[in-house]
Amino acid sequence: MSLLALIIIFTAVGGVLSVMAAAVFLLLREHQRRAVLPHGISFAIGALLAVAFWGLIPEAFESVEPAQFRTLSATILAGILGFFVLEKLLIWRHCHSGSCEAHSDEDEHDHGHSHSHGIAKSAGALIILGDSIHNFVDGVLIAAAFLTDVHLGIVTSLAVAAHEIPQEVGDFAILLHSGYSKSKALFYNILASLSTVLGGVLAYFSLADLHDRLPYFLALAASSFIYIAVADLIPSLHKKTDMKTSLQQIALIAAGVVLICSLHNFAHGIQI
């Protein structure tokens, strides 16, 4: 199978599956969603950090000369700071719990309406735009990983899907509360997920001739995953501090790490 075909398949399947999983998730009752969602977030944290530190960063450093190590490290640092700025500008906060601090001021003026409805009225269209841009970047990062190593591309795609599911759940909740029907919310989320394919295809044709720059795209991918895990996902886990919940969070983060590392090692032991 050609490399381009693999990129198209994994960018498309990952995006659509994450949307479908989120749609099924929303069929659960409110209290069931609140009980299950933190577990998915914990697992996604482990998966993202494992891909960044076990796959992307080592692969990037192995692809350059020692004289470029500082430049590569600076790229990771610049990427983390850059994603912070982008999130500020585009309001990329995923709102995993269905609410976020960024919209609290508006809610104070939303008399007689639910908190989530007040959020959605102003954020629905922006969520679709932000999700499309985010997914496009994910497609570029997945393509960069595939162009470096097929096995790395596969585990990177899995990590992207792992963090997209909690994000899509939050996006669905906002769209539904803004007045979108379930079918329209599903349609717009699938449409936004297809921007991952667009990003992957464009990156394939533009990055294939820029082999020397691939390590820096891997570094940016790693910085993206680190930022999402540390800035967006981990803070949501601190809402509950009891011992049982904390142990569950640690166990699921560890499970995400172990699964990705195991898949990465297994993939490198077979021919694809």
C-alpha atoms as a PDB file:
ATOM      1  CA  MET A   1       0.000   0.000   0.000  1.00  0.00           C
ATOM      2  CA  SER A   2       1.356   3.436  -0.907  1.00  0.00           C
ATOM      3  CA  LEU A   3       2.350   5.960   1.726  1.00  0.00           C
ATOM      4  CA  LEU A   4      -0.235   8.446   0.478  1.00  0.00           C
ATOM      5  CA  ALA A   5      -2.974   5.819   0.809  1.00  0.00           C
ATOM      6  CA  LEU A   6      -1.928   5.082   4.395  1.00  0.00           C
ATOM      7  CA  ILE A   7      -2.002   8.785   5.265  1.00  0.00           C
ATOM      8  CA  ILE A   8      -5.484   9.186   3.768  1.00  0.00           C
ATOM      9  CA  ILE A   9      -6.812   6.075   5.520  1.00  0.00           C
ATOM     10  CA  PHE A  10      -5.459   6.906   8.974  1.00  0.00           C
ATOM     11  CA  THR A  11      -6.374  10.597   8.862  1.00  0.00           C
ATOM     12  CA  ALA A  12      -9.901   9.788   7.639  1.00  0.00           C
ATOM     13  CA  VAL A  13     -10.636   6.777   9.838  1.00  0.00           C
ATOM     14  CA  GLY A  14      -9.261   8.402  12.995  1.00  0.00           C
ATOM     15  CA  GLY A  15     -11.340  11.550  12.530  1.00  0.00           C
ATOM     16  CA  VAL A  16     -14.587   9.806  11.636  1.00  0.00           C
ATOM     17  CA  LEU A  17     -14.237   7.228  14.412  1.00  0.00           C
ATOM     18  CA  SER A  18     -13.643   9.941  17.005  1.00  0.00           C
ATOM     19  CA  VAL A  19     -16.792  11.768  15.861  1.00  0.00           C
ATOM     20  CA  MET A  20     -18.869   8.571  15.847  1.00  0.00           C
ATOM     21  CA  ALA A  21     -17.579   7.572  19.267  1.00  0.00           C
ATOM     22  CA  ALA A  22     -18.496  11.005  20.588  1.00  0.00           C
ATOM     23  CA  ALA A  23     -21.969  10.747  19.031  1.00  0.00           C
ATOM     24  CA  VAL A  24     -22.566   7.392  20.706  1.00  0.00           C
ATOM     25  CA  PHE A  25     -21.190   8.791  23.944  1.00  0.00           C
ATOM     26  CA  LEU A  26     -23.780  11.575  23.902  1.00  0.00           C
ATOM     27  CA  LEU A  27     -26.566   8.977  23.882  1.00  0.00           C
ATOM     28  CA  LEU A  28     -25.665   8.252  27.489  1.00  0.00           C
ATOM     29  CA  ARG A  29     -27.455  10.053  30.287  1.00  0.00           C
ATOM     30  CA  GLU A  30     -25.869  13.175  31.707  1.00  0.00           C
ATOM     31  CA  HIS A  31     -24.657  11.542  34.919  1.00  0.00           C
ATOM     32  CA  GLN A  32     -23.230   8.616  32.931  1.00  0.00           C
ATOM     33  CA  ARG A  33     -21.309  10.975  30.633  1.00  0.00           C
ATOM     34  CA  ARG A  34     -19.872  12.841  33.581  1.00  0.00           C
ATOM     35  CA  ALA A  35     -18.776   9.564  35.142  1.00  0.00           C
ATOM     36  CA  VAL A  36     -17.132   8.132  32.009  1.00  0.00           C
ATOM     37  CA  LEU A  37     -15.556  11.204  30.382  1.00  0.00           C
ATOM     38  CA  PRO A  38     -12.752  11.758  32.950  1.00  0.00           C
ATOM     39  CA  HIS A  39     -11.571   8.190  32.364  1.00  0.00           C
ATOM     40  CA  GLY A  40     -11.213   8.863  28.638  1.00  0.00           C
ATOM     41  CA  ILE A  41      -9.335  12.069  29.347  1.00  0.00           C
ATOM     42  CA  SER A  42      -6.918  10.297  31.697  1.00  0.00           C
ATOM     43  CA  PHE A  43      -6.195   7.643  29.088  1.00  0.00           C
ATOM     44  CA  ALA A  44      -5.690  10.299  26.395  1.00  0.00           C
ATOM     45  CA  ILE A  45      -3.120  12.097  28.559  1.00  0.00           C
ATOM     46  CA  GLY A  46      -1.007   8.962  28.804  1.00  0.00           C
ATOM     47  CA  ALA A  47      -1.323   8.257  25.078  1.00  0.00           C
ATOM     48  CA  LEU A  48      -0.328  11.779  24.038  1.00  0.00           C
ATOM     49  CA  LEU A  49       2.663  11.989  26.359  1.00  0.00           C
ATOM     50  CA  ALA A  50       3.856   8.512  25.371  1.00  0.00           C
ATOM     51  CA  VAL A  51       3.784   9.330  21.653  1.00  0.00           C
ATOM     52  CA  ALA A  52       5.591  12.628  22.276  1.00  0.00           C
ATOM     53  CA  PHE A  53       8.363  11.301  24.532  1.00  0.00           C
ATOM     54  CA  TRP A  54       8.627   7.678  23.342  1.00  0.00           C
ATOM     55  CA  GLY A  55       8.128   8.151  19.625  1.00  0.00           C
ATOM     56  CA  LEU A  56       8.231  11.646  18.147  1.00  0.00           C
ATOM     57  CA  ILE A  57      11.045  13.304  20.120  1.00  0.00           C
ATOM     58  CA  PRO A  58      13.502  10.354  19.970  1.00  0.00           C
ATOM     59  CA  GLU A  59      12.795   9.936  16.245  1.00  0.00           C
ATOM     60  CA  ALA A  60      13.390  13.637  15.632  1.00  0.00           C
ATOM     61  CA  PHE A  61      16.728  13.652  17.484  1.00  0.00           C
ATOM     62  CA  GLU A  62      17.889  10.462  15.776  1.00  0.00           C
ATOM     63  CA  SER A  63      17.324  12.140  12.395  1.00  0.00           C
ATOM     64  CA  VAL A  64      19.647  15.113  12.970  1.00  0.00           C
ATOM     65  CA  GLU A  65      23.294  15.720  13.787  1.00  0.00           C
ATOM     66  CA  PRO A  66      24.291  16.551  17.407  1.00  0.00           C
ATOM     67  CA  ALA A  67      25.002  20.125  16.326  1.00  0.00           C
ATOM     68  CA  GLN A  68      21.259  20.541  15.655  1.00  0.00           C
ATOM     69  CA  PHE A  69      20.090  19.305  19.067  1.00  0.00           C
ATOM     70  CA  ARG A  70      19.736  22.805  20.517  1.00  0.00           C
ATOM     71  CA  THR A  71      17.787  23.996  17.474  1.00  0.00           C
ATOM     72  CA  LEU A  72      15.481  21.000  17.727  1.00  0.00           C
ATOM     73  CA  SER A  73      14.957  21.602  21.457  1.00  0.00           C
ATOM     74  CA  ALA A  74      14.204  25.248  20.721  1.00  0.00           C
ATOM     75  CA  THR A  75      11.615  24.104  18.180  1.00  0.00           C
ATOM     76  CA  ILE A  76       9.816  22.069  20.854  1.00  0.00           C
ATOM     77  CA  LEU A  77       9.863  25.041  23.238  1.00  0.00           C
ATOM     78  CA  ALA A  78       8.678  27.443  20.537  1.00  0.00           C
ATOM     79  CA  GLY A  79       5.928  24.992  19.588  1.00  0.00           C
ATOM     80  CA  ILE A  80       4.564  24.809  23.144  1.00  0.00           C
ATOM     81  CA  LEU A  81       4.567  28.609  23.455  1.00  0.00           C
ATOM     82  CA  GLY A  82       3.096  28.951  19.962  1.00  0.00           C
ATOM     83  CA  PHE A  83       0.195  26.627  20.713  1.00  0.00           C
ATOM     84  CA  PHE A  84      -0.517  28.642  23.844  1.00  0.00           C
ATOM     85  CA  VAL A  85      -0.768  31.814  21.754  1.00  0.00           C
ATOM     86  CA  LEU A  86      -2.927  30.076  19.134  1.00  0.00           C
ATOM     87  CA  GLU A  87      -5.272  28.779  21.783  1.00  0.00           C
ATOM     88  CA  LYS A  88      -5.634  32.294  23.164  1.00  0.00           C
ATOM     89  CA  LEU A  89      -6.347  33.757  19.727  1.00  0.00           C
ATOM     90  CA  LEU A  90      -8.698  31.034  18.457  1.00  0.00           C
ATOM     91  CA  ILE A  91     -10.252  30.040  21.798  1.00  0.00           C
ATOM     92  CA  TRP A  92      -9.021  26.497  21.370  1.00  0.00           C
ATOM     93  CA  ARG A  93     -10.049  25.536  24.853  1.00  0.00           C
ATOM     94  CA  HIS A  94     -11.716  22.136  24.396  1.00  0.00           C
ATOM     95  CA  CYS A  95     -14.271  22.601  27.226  1.00  0.00           C
ATOM     96  CA  HIS A  96     -14.259  18.848  27.956  1.00  0.00           C
ATOM     97  CA  SER A  97     -16.782  19.193  30.752  1.00  0.00           C
ATOM     98  CA  GLY A  98     -19.210  21.257  28.682  1.00  0.00           C
ATOM     99  CA  SER A  99     -18.191  24.517  30.355  1.00  0.00           C
ATOM    100  CA  CYS A 100     -15.092  26.625  30.588  1.00  0.00           C
ATOM    101  CA  GLU A 101     -13.844  29.687  32.332  1.00  0.00           C
ATOM    102  CA  ALA A 102     -13.495  31.674  29.102  1.00  0.00           C
ATOM    103  CA  HIS A 103     -17.275  32.001  28.801  1.00  0.00           C
ATOM    104  CA  SER A 104     -18.152  32.672  32.431  1.00  0.00           C
ATOM    105  CA  ASP A 105     -18.630  36.416  31.923  1.00  0.00           C
ATOM    106  CA  GLU A 106     -21.242  35.871  29.227  1.00  0.00           C
ATOM    107  CA  ASP A 107     -23.080  33.417  31.404  1.00  0.00           C
ATOM    108  CA  GLU A 108     -23.538  36.073  34.096  1.00  0.00           C
ATOM    109  CA  HIS A 109     -25.719  38.006  31.623  1.00  0.00           C
ATOM    110  CA  ASP A 110     -27.648  34.947  30.444  1.00  0.00           C
ATOM    111  CA  HIS A 111     -30.652  35.333  32.769  1.00  0.00           C
ATOM    112  CA  GLY A 112     -33.037  32.404  32.911  1.00  0.00           C
ATOM    113  CA  HIS A 113     -30.935  30.185  30.640  1.00  0.00           C
ATOM    114  CA  SER A 114     -28.618  27.287  31.348  1.00  0.00           C
ATOM    115  CA  HIS A 115     -24.881  27.869  31.534  1.00  0.00           C
ATOM    116  CA  SER A 116     -24.137  25.615  28.571  1.00  0.00           C
ATOM    117  CA  HIS A 117     -26.769  27.348  26.417  1.00  0.00           C
ATOM    118  CA  GLY A 118     -25.154  30.712  27.075  1.00  0.00           C
ATOM    119  CA  ILE A 119     -21.798  29.339  26.039  1.00  0.00           C
ATOM    120  CA  ALA A 120     -23.098  27.764  22.866  1.00  0.00           C
ATOM    121  CA  LYS A 121     -24.841  30.862  21.514  1.00  0.00           C
ATOM    122  CA  SER A 122     -21.504  32.639  21.129  1.00  0.00           C
ATOM    123  CA  ALA A 123     -19.189  29.688  20.635  1.00  0.00           C
ATOM    124  CA  GLY A 124     -20.963  27.256  18.281  1.00  0.00           C
ATOM    125  CA  ALA A 125     -19.624  28.606  15.000  1.00  0.00           C
ATOM    126  CA  LEU A 126     -16.203  29.285  16.500  1.00  0.00           C
ATOM    127  CA  ILE A 127     -16.006  25.720  17.779  1.00  0.00           C
ATOM    128  CA  ILE A 128     -16.480  24.406  14.224  1.00  0.00           C
ATOM    129  CA  LEU A 129     -13.834  26.794  12.856  1.00  0.00           C
ATOM    130  CA  GLY A 130     -11.362  26.071  15.630  1.00  0.00           C
ATOM    131  CA  ASP A 131     -11.925  22.318  15.345  1.00  0.00           C
ATOM    132  CA  SER A 132     -11.311  22.443  11.579  1.00  0.00           C
ATOM    133  CA  ILE A 133      -8.022  24.312  12.026  1.00  0.00           C
ATOM    134  CA  HIS A 134      -6.977  21.965  14.826  1.00  0.00           C
ATOM    135  CA  ASN A 135      -7.786  18.893  12.743  1.00  0.00           C
ATOM    136  CA  PHE A 136      -5.910  20.324   9.747  1.00  0.00           C
ATOM    137  CA  VAL A 137      -2.803  20.701  11.924  1.00  0.00           C
ATOM    138  CA  ASP A 138      -3.291  17.133  13.205  1.00  0.00           C
ATOM    139  CA  GLY A 139      -3.326  15.928   9.588  1.00  0.00           C
ATOM    140  CA  VAL A 140      -0.025  17.703   8.883  1.00  0.00           C
ATOM    141  CA  LEU A 141       1.547  16.149  11.981  1.00  0.00           C
ATOM    142  CA  ILE A 142       0.300  12.654  11.114  1.00  0.00           C
ATOM    143  CA  ALA A 143       1.685  12.986   7.577  1.00  0.00           C
ATOM    144  CA  ALA A 144       5.050  14.143   8.947  1.00  0.00           C
ATOM    145  CA  ALA A 145       5.157  11.072  11.188  1.00  0.00           C
ATOM    146  CA  PHE A 146       4.281   8.722   8.295  1.00  0.00           C
ATOM    147  CA  LEU A 147       6.911  10.323   6.057  1.00  0.00           C
ATOM    148  CA  THR A 148       9.490   9.604   8.761  1.00  0.00           C
ATOM    149  CA  ASP A 149       8.386   6.074   9.625  1.00  0.00           C
ATOM    150  CA  VAL A 150       5.185   4.134   8.913  1.00  0.00           C
ATOM    151  CA  HIS A 151       5.077   2.663  12.414  1.00  0.00           C
ATOM    152  CA  LEU A 152       5.483   6.094  13.981  1.00  0.00           C
ATOM    153  CA  GLY A 153       2.650   7.350  11.782  1.00  0.00           C
ATOM    154  CA  ILE A 154       0.338   4.603  13.022  1.00  0.00           C
ATOM    155  CA  VAL A 155       0.901   5.235  16.746  1.00  0.00           C
ATOM    156  CA  THR A 156       0.710   9.002  16.169  1.00  0.00           C
ATOM    157  CA  SER A 157      -2.682   8.515  14.499  1.00  0.00           C
ATOM    158  CA  LEU A 158      -3.858   6.451  17.480  1.00  0.00           C
ATOM    159  CA  ALA A 159      -2.775   9.172  19.896  1.00  0.00           C
ATOM    160  CA  VAL A 160      -4.578  11.823  17.840  1.00  0.00           C
ATOM    161  CA  ALA A 161      -7.767   9.735  17.905  1.00  0.00           C
ATOM    162  CA  ALA A 162      -7.421   9.237  21.676  1.00  0.00           C
ATOM    163  CA  HIS A 163      -7.463  12.948  22.412  1.00  0.00           C
ATOM    164  CA  GLU A 164      -9.968  13.813  19.683  1.00  0.00           C
ATOM    165  CA  ILE A 165     -12.741  11.733  21.293  1.00  0.00           C
ATOM    166  CA  PRO A 166     -12.970  13.825  24.511  1.00  0.00           C
ATOM    167  CA  GLN A 167     -12.657  16.994  22.428  1.00  0.00           C
ATOM    168  CA  GLU A 168     -15.471  15.968  20.075  1.00  0.00           C
ATOM    169  CA  VAL A 169     -17.712  15.195  23.061  1.00  0.00           C
ATOM    170  CA  GLY A 170     -17.257  18.783  24.265  1.00  0.00           C
ATOM    171  CA  ASP A 171     -17.854  20.160  20.759  1.00  0.00           C
ATOM    172  CA  PHE A 172     -21.049  18.117  20.368  1.00  0.00           C
ATOM    173  CA  ALA A 173     -22.384  19.360  23.692  1.00  0.00           C
ATOM    174  CA  ILE A 174     -21.815  23.003  22.728  1.00  0.00           C
ATOM    175  CA  LEU A 175     -23.407  22.609  19.291  1.00  0.00           C
ATOM    176  CA  LEU A 176     -26.458  20.815  20.677  1.00  0.00           C
ATOM    177  CA  HIS A 177     -26.998  23.485  23.314  1.00  0.00           C
ATOM    178  CA  SER A 178     -26.698  26.193  20.657  1.00  0.00           C
ATOM    179  CA  GLY A 179     -29.764  24.813  18.887  1.00  0.00           C
ATOM    180  CA  TYR A 180     -28.194  22.462  16.342  1.00  0.00           C
ATOM    181  CA  SER A 181     -30.061  19.209  15.826  1.00  0.00           C
ATOM    182  CA  LYS A 182     -28.140  15.997  16.499  1.00  0.00           C
ATOM    183  CA  SER A 183     -27.916  15.314  12.751  1.00  0.00           C
ATOM    184  CA  LYS A 184     -26.528  18.789  12.002  1.00  0.00           C
ATOM    185  CA  ALA A 185     -24.089  18.624  14.895  1.00  0.00           C
ATOM    186  CA  LEU A 186     -22.882  15.255  13.602  1.00  0.00           C
ATOM    187  CA  PHE A 187     -22.617  16.590  10.030  1.00  0.00           C
ATOM    188  CA  TYR A 188     -20.554  19.642  11.000  1.00  0.00           C
ATOM    189  CA  ASN A 189     -18.247  17.584  13.209  1.00  0.00           C
ATOM    190  CA  ILE A 190     -17.641  15.042  10.423  1.00  0.00           C
ATOM    191  CA  LEU A 191     -17.015  17.929   8.019  1.00  0.00           C
ATOM    192  CA  ALA A 192     -14.497  19.429  10.435  1.00  0.00           C
ATOM    193  CA  SER A 193     -12.838  16.031  10.899  1.00  0.00           C
ATOM    194  CA  LEU A 194     -12.248  15.758   7.135  1.00  0.00           C
ATOM    195  CA  SER A 195      -9.887  18.725   7.370  1.00  0.00           C
ATOM    196  CA  THR A 196      -7.491  16.189   8.913  1.00  0.00           C
ATOM    197  CA  VAL A 197      -7.389  14.399   5.546  1.00  0.00           C
ATOM    198  CA  LEU A 198      -6.824  17.707   3.755  1.00  0.00           C
ATOM    199  CA  GLY A 199      -3.937  18.548   6.053  1.00  0.00           C
ATOM    200  CA  GLY A 200      -2.411  15.101   5.602  1.00  0.00           C
ATOM    201  CA  VAL A 201      -2.635  15.141   1.791  1.00  0.00           C
ATOM    202  CA  LEU A 202      -1.245  18.669   1.439  1.00  0.00           C
ATOM    203  CA  ALA A 203       1.566  17.832   3.843  1.00  0.00           C
ATOM    204  CA  TYR A 204       2.406  14.680   1.885  1.00  0.00           C
ATOM    205  CA  PHE A 205       2.989  16.629  -1.323  1.00  0.00           C
ATOM    206  CA  SER A 206       4.801  19.529   0.347  1.00  0.00           C
ATOM    207  CA  LEU A 207       6.868  17.655   2.946  1.00  0.00           C
ATOM    208  CA  ALA A 208       7.971  14.784   0.718  1.00  0.00           C
ATOM    209  CA  ASP A 209      10.516  17.119  -0.903  1.00  0.00           C
ATOM    210  CA  LEU A 210      11.588  18.627   2.433  1.00  0.00           C
ATOM    211  CA  HIS A 211      13.117  15.578   4.076  1.00  0.00           C
ATOM    212  CA  ASP A 212      15.649  17.615   6.060  1.00  0.00           C
ATOM    213  CA  ARG A 213      12.844  19.539   7.747  1.00  0.00           C
ATOM    214  CA  LEU A 214      10.837  16.510   8.835  1.00  0.00           C
ATOM    215  CA  PRO A 215      12.543  16.295  12.275  1.00  0.00           C
ATOM    216  CA  TYR A 216      11.315  19.808  13.020  1.00  0.00           C
ATOM    217  CA  PHE A 217       7.758  18.887  12.109  1.00  0.00           C
ATOM    218  CA  LEU A 218       8.050  15.900  14.439  1.00  0.00           C
ATOM    219  CA  ALA A 219       9.255  18.289  17.158  1.00  0.00           C
ATOM    220  CA  LEU A 220       6.218  20.504  16.534  1.00  0.00           C
ATOM    221  CA  ALA A 221       3.964  17.452  16.700  1.00  0.00           C
ATOM    222  CA  ALA A 222       5.497  16.518  20.053  1.00  0.00           C
ATOM    223  CA  SER A 223       5.049  20.064  21.380  1.00  0.00           C
ATOM    224  CA  SER A 224       1.398  19.978  20.297  1.00  0.00           C
ATOM    225  CA  PHE A 225       0.738  16.710  22.135  1.00  0.00           C
ATOM    226  CA  ILE A 226       2.598  17.889  25.249  1.00  0.00           C
ATOM    227  CA  TYR A 227       0.676  21.164  25.304  1.00  0.00           C
ATOM    228  CA  ILE A 228      -2.720  19.499  24.871  1.00  0.00           C
ATOM    229  CA  ALA A 229      -1.990  16.995  27.634  1.00  0.00           C
ATOM    230  CA  VAL A 230      -0.496  19.448  30.120  1.00  0.00           C
ATOM    231  CA  ALA A 231      -2.519  22.629  29.457  1.00  0.00           C
ATOM    232  CA  ASP A 232      -5.924  21.303  28.383  1.00  0.00           C
ATOM    233  CA  LEU A 233      -6.413  17.821  29.793  1.00  0.00           C
ATOM    234  CA  ILE A 234      -4.504  17.541  33.079  1.00  0.00           C
ATOM    235  CA  PRO A 235      -6.160  20.599  34.729  1.00  0.00           C
ATOM    236  CA  SER A 236      -9.583  19.003  34.264  1.00  0.00           C
ATOM    237  CA  LEU A 237      -8.460  16.039  36.377  1.00  0.00           C
ATOM    238  CA  HIS A 238      -7.755  18.233  39.400  1.00  0.00           C
ATOM    239  CA  LYS A 239     -11.452  18.947  39.922  1.00  0.00           C
ATOM    240  CA  LYS A 240     -11.654  15.766  41.996  1.00  0.00           C
ATOM    241  CA  THR A 241      -8.950  15.130  44.575  1.00  0.00           C
ATOM    242  CA  ASP A 242     -10.213  12.120  46.531  1.00  0.00           C
ATOM    243  CA  MET A 243      -7.843   9.165  46.792  1.00  0.00           C
ATOM    244  CA  LYS A 244      -9.961   6.702  44.780  1.00  0.00           C
ATOM    245  CA  THR A 245     -10.384   9.055  41.824  1.00  0.00           C
ATOM    246  CA  SER A 246      -6.716  10.055  41.907  1.00  0.00           C
ATOM    247  CA  LEU A 247      -5.593   6.426  41.811  1.00  0.00           C
ATOM    248  CA  GLN A 248      -7.954   5.728  38.890  1.00  0.00           C
ATOM    249  CA  GLN A 249      -6.529   8.711  36.994  1.00  0.00           C
ATOM    250  CA  ILE A 250      -2.949   7.561  37.579  1.00  0.00           C
ATOM    251  CA  ALA A 251      -3.805   4.012  36.521  1.00  0.00           C
ATOM    252  CA  LEU A 252      -5.496   5.151  33.290  1.00  0.00           C
ATOM    253  CA  ILE A 253      -2.673   7.550  32.416  1.00  0.00           C
ATOM    254  CA  ALA A 254      -0.249   4.676  32.945  1.00  0.00           C
ATOM    255  CA  ALA A 255      -2.449   2.442  30.773  1.00  0.00           C
ATOM    256  CA  GLY A 256      -2.305   5.006  27.956  1.00  0.00           C
ATOM    257  CA  VAL A 257       1.483   5.153  28.230  1.00  0.00           C
ATOM    258  CA  VAL A 258       1.897   1.373  28.329  1.00  0.00           C
ATOM    259  CA  LEU A 259      -0.439   0.795  25.377  1.00  0.00           C
ATOM    260  CA  ILE A 260       1.244   3.344  23.091  1.00  0.00           C
ATOM    261  CA  CYS A 261       4.760   2.240  24.047  1.00  0.00           C
ATOM    262  CA  SER A 262       3.807  -1.411  23.521  1.00  0.00           C
ATOM    263  CA  LEU A 263       2.216  -0.685  20.138  1.00  0.00           C
ATOM    264  CA  HIS A 264       5.242   1.364  19.113  1.00  0.00           C
ATOM    265  CA  ASN A 265       7.672  -1.397  20.053  1.00  0.00           C
ATOM    266  CA  PHE A 266       5.491  -4.081  18.466  1.00  0.00           C
ATOM    267  CA  ALA A 267       5.121  -2.090  15.227  1.00  0.00           C
ATOM    268  CA  HIS A 268       8.874  -1.745  14.924  1.00  0.00           C
ATOM    269  CA  GLY A 269       9.221  -5.490  15.286  1.00  0.00           C
ATOM    270  CA  ILE A 270       7.094  -6.259  12.216  1.00  0.00           C
ATOM    271  CA  GLN A 271       7.151  -5.264   8.579  1.00  0.00           C
ATOM    272  CA  ILE A 272       4.275  -3.170   7.189  1.00  0.00           C
END
